[in-house]
Amino acid sequence: MDPRIETTAAGSPRGTVVIVSVFGALVVLGWLLMFFGLFVPRGTH
């Protein structure tokens, strides 16, 4: 095993966790922007 790769308690590389977290945050942010930008104004008419 390469000692340069930092691992989390689950044993997966930390970079994978960071990448998944960033994409998850982007999905949530996009969903919120779409919800408040499209669906909420349509419901107020």
PDB file of N, CA and C in Angstrom:
ATOM      1  N   MET A   1       0.840  -1.183   0.000  1.00  0.00           N
ATOM      2  CA  MET A   1       0.000   0.000   0.000  1.00  0.00           C
ATOM      3  C   MET A   1       0.882   1.242   0.000  1.00  0.00           C
ATOM      4  N   ASP A   2       0.493   2.225  -0.764  1.00  0.00           N
ATOM      5  CA  ASP A   2       1.274   3.446  -0.900  1.00  0.00           C
ATOM      6  C   ASP A   2       1.098   4.319   0.346  1.00  0.00           C
ATOM      7  N   PRO A   3       2.150   4.632   1.069  1.00  0.00           N
ATOM      8  CA  PRO A   3       1.989   5.435   2.294  1.00  0.00           C
ATOM      9  C   PRO A   3       1.653   6.899   2.017  1.00  0.00           C
ATOM     10  N   ARG A   4       1.800   7.338   0.772  1.00  0.00           N
ATOM     11  CA  ARG A   4       1.493   8.735   0.454  1.00  0.00           C
ATOM     12  C   ARG A   4      -0.003   8.994   0.362  1.00  0.00           C
ATOM     13  N   ILE A   5      -0.813   7.942   0.196  1.00  0.00           N
ATOM     14  CA  ILE A   5      -2.261   8.101   0.072  1.00  0.00           C
ATOM     15  C   ILE A   5      -2.872   8.106   1.464  1.00  0.00           C
ATOM     16  N   GLU A   6      -3.506   9.231   1.825  1.00  0.00           N
ATOM     17  CA  GLU A   6      -4.165   9.298   3.126  1.00  0.00           C
ATOM     18  C   GLU A   6      -5.516   8.599   3.026  1.00  0.00           C
ATOM     19  N   THR A   7      -5.835   7.850   4.038  1.00  0.00           N
ATOM     20  CA  THR A   7      -7.102   7.136   4.024  1.00  0.00           C
ATOM     21  C   THR A   7      -7.971   7.577   5.190  1.00  0.00           C
ATOM     22  N   THR A   8      -9.281   7.443   5.010  1.00  0.00           N
ATOM     23  CA  THR A   8     -10.222   7.748   6.081  1.00  0.00           C
ATOM     24  C   THR A   8     -10.437   6.495   6.904  1.00  0.00           C
ATOM     25  N   ALA A   9     -11.315   6.567   7.896  1.00  0.00           N
ATOM     26  CA  ALA A   9     -11.585   5.421   8.756  1.00  0.00           C
ATOM     27  C   ALA A   9     -12.183   4.270   7.954  1.00  0.00           C
ATOM     28  N   ALA A  10     -12.924   4.585   6.872  1.00  0.00           N
ATOM     29  CA  ALA A  10     -13.537   3.546   6.057  1.00  0.00           C
ATOM     30  C   ALA A  10     -12.523   2.894   5.126  1.00  0.00           C
ATOM     31  N   GLY A  11     -11.350   3.485   4.969  1.00  0.00           N
ATOM     32  CA  GLY A  11     -10.321   2.904   4.132  1.00  0.00           C
ATOM     33  C   GLY A  11     -10.288   3.438   2.716  1.00  0.00           C
ATOM     34  N   SER A  12     -11.168   4.369   2.382  1.00  0.00           N
ATOM     35  CA  SER A  12     -11.166   4.931   1.026  1.00  0.00           C
ATOM     36  C   SER A  12     -10.267   6.163   0.991  1.00  0.00           C
ATOM     37  N   PRO A  13      -9.675   6.454  -0.160  1.00  0.00           N
ATOM     38  CA  PRO A  13      -8.831   7.650  -0.253  1.00  0.00           C
ATOM     39  C   PRO A  13      -9.618   8.924   0.030  1.00  0.00           C
ATOM     40  N   ARG A  14      -8.979   9.852   0.703  1.00  0.00           N
ATOM     41  CA  ARG A  14      -9.645  11.088   1.103  1.00  0.00           C
ATOM     42  C   ARG A  14     -10.060  11.921  -0.108  1.00  0.00           C
ATOM     43  N   GLY A  15      -9.308  11.868  -1.196  1.00  0.00           N
ATOM     44  CA  GLY A  15      -9.647  12.639  -2.391  1.00  0.00           C
ATOM     45  C   GLY A  15     -10.994  12.239  -2.967  1.00  0.00           C
ATOM     46  N   THR A  16     -11.325  10.957  -2.899  1.00  0.00           N
ATOM     47  CA  THR A  16     -12.620  10.485  -3.396  1.00  0.00           C
ATOM     48  C   THR A  16     -13.753  11.090  -2.584  1.00  0.00           C
ATOM     49  N   VAL A  17     -13.575  11.149  -1.278  1.00  0.00           N
ATOM     50  CA  VAL A  17     -14.600  11.732  -0.411  1.00  0.00           C
ATOM     51  C   VAL A  17     -14.785  13.208  -0.731  1.00  0.00           C
ATOM     52  N   VAL A  18     -13.695  13.906  -0.976  1.00  0.00           N
ATOM     53  CA  VAL A  18     -13.774  15.331  -1.304  1.00  0.00           C
ATOM     54  C   VAL A  18     -14.501  15.530  -2.630  1.00  0.00           C
ATOM     55  N   ILE A  19     -14.172  14.732  -3.637  1.00  0.00           N
ATOM     56  CA  ILE A  19     -14.803  14.878  -4.947  1.00  0.00           C
ATOM     57  C   ILE A  19     -16.300  14.588  -4.865  1.00  0.00           C
ATOM     58  N   VAL A  20     -16.670  13.524  -4.176  1.00  0.00           N
ATOM     59  CA  VAL A  20     -18.089  13.194  -4.035  1.00  0.00           C
ATOM     60  C   VAL A  20     -18.820  14.285  -3.262  1.00  0.00           C
ATOM     61  N   SER A  21     -18.188  14.843  -2.242  1.00  0.00           N
ATOM     62  CA  SER A  21     -18.806  15.916  -1.465  1.00  0.00           C
ATOM     63  C   SER A  21     -19.012  17.167  -2.308  1.00  0.00           C
ATOM     64  N   VAL A  22     -18.031  17.506  -3.138  1.00  0.00           N
ATOM     65  CA  VAL A  22     -18.143  18.700  -3.987  1.00  0.00           C
ATOM     66  C   VAL A  22     -19.266  18.518  -5.001  1.00  0.00           C
ATOM     67  N   PHE A  23     -19.327  17.363  -5.656  1.00  0.00           N
ATOM     68  CA  PHE A  23     -20.401  17.131  -6.619  1.00  0.00           C
ATOM     69  C   PHE A  23     -21.766  17.089  -5.938  1.00  0.00           C
ATOM     70  N   GLY A  24     -21.832  16.521  -4.750  1.00  0.00           N
ATOM     71  CA  GLY A  24     -23.087  16.514  -4.002  1.00  0.00           C
ATOM     72  C   GLY A  24     -23.539  17.923  -3.658  1.00  0.00           C
ATOM     73  N   ALA A  25     -22.600  18.761  -3.245  1.00  0.00           N
ATOM     74  CA  ALA A  25     -22.939  20.153  -2.929  1.00  0.00           C
ATOM     75  C   ALA A  25     -23.406  20.890  -4.180  1.00  0.00           C
ATOM     76  N   LEU A  26     -22.783  20.627  -5.322  1.00  0.00           N
ATOM     77  CA  LEU A  26     -23.215  21.265  -6.566  1.00  0.00           C
ATOM     78  C   LEU A  26     -24.618  20.821  -6.970  1.00  0.00           C
ATOM     79  N   VAL A  27     -24.931  19.548  -6.766  1.00  0.00           N
ATOM     80  CA  VAL A  27     -26.278  19.051  -7.088  1.00  0.00           C
ATOM     81  C   VAL A  27     -27.314  19.728  -6.192  1.00  0.00           C
ATOM     82  N   VAL A  28     -27.020  19.815  -4.898  1.00  0.00           N
ATOM     83  CA  VAL A  28     -27.955  20.454  -3.968  1.00  0.00           C
ATOM     84  C   VAL A  28     -28.118  21.929  -4.305  1.00  0.00           C
ATOM     85  N   LEU A  29     -27.022  22.610  -4.604  1.00  0.00           N
ATOM     86  CA  LEU A  29     -27.094  24.025  -4.956  1.00  0.00           C
ATOM     87  C   LEU A  29     -27.896  24.235  -6.237  1.00  0.00           C
ATOM     88  N   GLY A  30     -27.669  23.391  -7.233  1.00  0.00           N
ATOM     89  CA  GLY A  30     -28.442  23.491  -8.474  1.00  0.00           C
ATOM     90  C   GLY A  30     -29.914  23.225  -8.258  1.00  0.00           C
ATOM     91  N   TRP A  31     -30.238  22.259  -7.410  1.00  0.00           N
ATOM     92  CA  TRP A  31     -31.638  21.953  -7.126  1.00  0.00           C
ATOM     93  C   TRP A  31     -32.303  23.128  -6.429  1.00  0.00           C
ATOM     94  N   LEU A  32     -31.611  23.727  -5.460  1.00  0.00           N
ATOM     95  CA  LEU A  32     -32.187  24.871  -4.754  1.00  0.00           C
ATOM     96  C   LEU A  32     -32.379  26.060  -5.688  1.00  0.00           C
ATOM     97  N   LEU A  33     -31.401  26.320  -6.560  1.00  0.00           N
ATOM     98  CA  LEU A  33     -31.544  27.424  -7.509  1.00  0.00           C
ATOM     99  C   LEU A  33     -32.718  27.190  -8.456  1.00  0.00           C
ATOM    100  N   MET A  34     -32.868  25.957  -8.916  1.00  0.00           N
ATOM    101  CA  MET A  34     -33.978  25.646  -9.811  1.00  0.00           C
ATOM    102  C   MET A  34     -35.312  25.743  -9.077  1.00  0.00           C
ATOM    103  N   PHE A  35     -35.346  25.269  -7.846  1.00  0.00           N
ATOM    104  CA  PHE A  35     -36.586  25.302  -7.081  1.00  0.00           C
ATOM    105  C   PHE A  35     -37.038  26.731  -6.824  1.00  0.00           C
ATOM    106  N   PHE A  36     -36.127  27.558  -6.283  1.00  0.00           N
ATOM    107  CA  PHE A  36     -36.502  28.918  -5.946  1.00  0.00           C
ATOM    108  C   PHE A  36     -36.572  29.827  -7.177  1.00  0.00           C
ATOM    109  N   GLY A  37     -35.865  29.488  -8.246  1.00  0.00           N
ATOM    110  CA  GLY A  37     -35.872  30.328  -9.443  1.00  0.00           C
ATOM    111  C   GLY A  37     -36.993  30.011 -10.409  1.00  0.00           C
ATOM    112  N   LEU A  38     -37.452  28.757 -10.436  1.00  0.00           N
ATOM    113  CA  LEU A  38     -38.490  28.372 -11.395  1.00  0.00           C
ATOM    114  C   LEU A  38     -39.826  28.037 -10.739  1.00  0.00           C
ATOM    115  N   PHE A  39     -39.794  27.146  -9.769  1.00  0.00           N
ATOM    116  CA  PHE A  39     -41.044  26.600  -9.259  1.00  0.00           C
ATOM    117  C   PHE A  39     -41.748  27.523  -8.273  1.00  0.00           C
ATOM    118  N   VAL A  40     -41.020  28.210  -7.423  1.00  0.00           N
ATOM    119  CA  VAL A  40     -41.656  29.110  -6.459  1.00  0.00           C
ATOM    120  C   VAL A  40     -42.314  30.295  -7.163  1.00  0.00           C
ATOM    121  N   PRO A  41     -41.657  30.947  -8.142  1.00  0.00           N
ATOM    122  CA  PRO A  41     -42.355  32.048  -8.835  1.00  0.00           C
ATOM    123  C   PRO A  41     -43.588  31.568  -9.613  1.00  0.00           C
ATOM    124  N   ARG A  42     -43.572  30.359 -10.153  1.00  0.00           N
ATOM    125  CA  ARG A  42     -44.744  29.852 -10.861  1.00  0.00           C
ATOM    126  C   ARG A  42     -45.912  29.629  -9.924  1.00  0.00           C
ATOM    127  N   GLY A  43     -45.633  29.270  -8.693  1.00  0.00           N
ATOM    128  CA  GLY A  43     -46.685  29.006  -7.731  1.00  0.00           C
ATOM    129  C   GLY A  43     -47.325  30.255  -7.183  1.00  0.00           C
ATOM    130  N   THR A  44     -46.692  31.409  -7.356  1.00  0.00           N
ATOM    131  CA  THR A  44     -47.232  32.653  -6.810  1.00  0.00           C
ATOM    132  C   THR A  44     -48.179  33.353  -7.775  1.00  0.00           C
ATOM    133  N   HIS A  45     -48.299  32.868  -9.006  1.00  0.00           N
ATOM    134  CA  HIS A  45     -49.191  33.508  -9.982  1.00  0.00           C
ATOM    135  C   HIS A  45     -50.609  33.046  -9.822  1.00  0.00           C
TER     136      HIS A  45
END
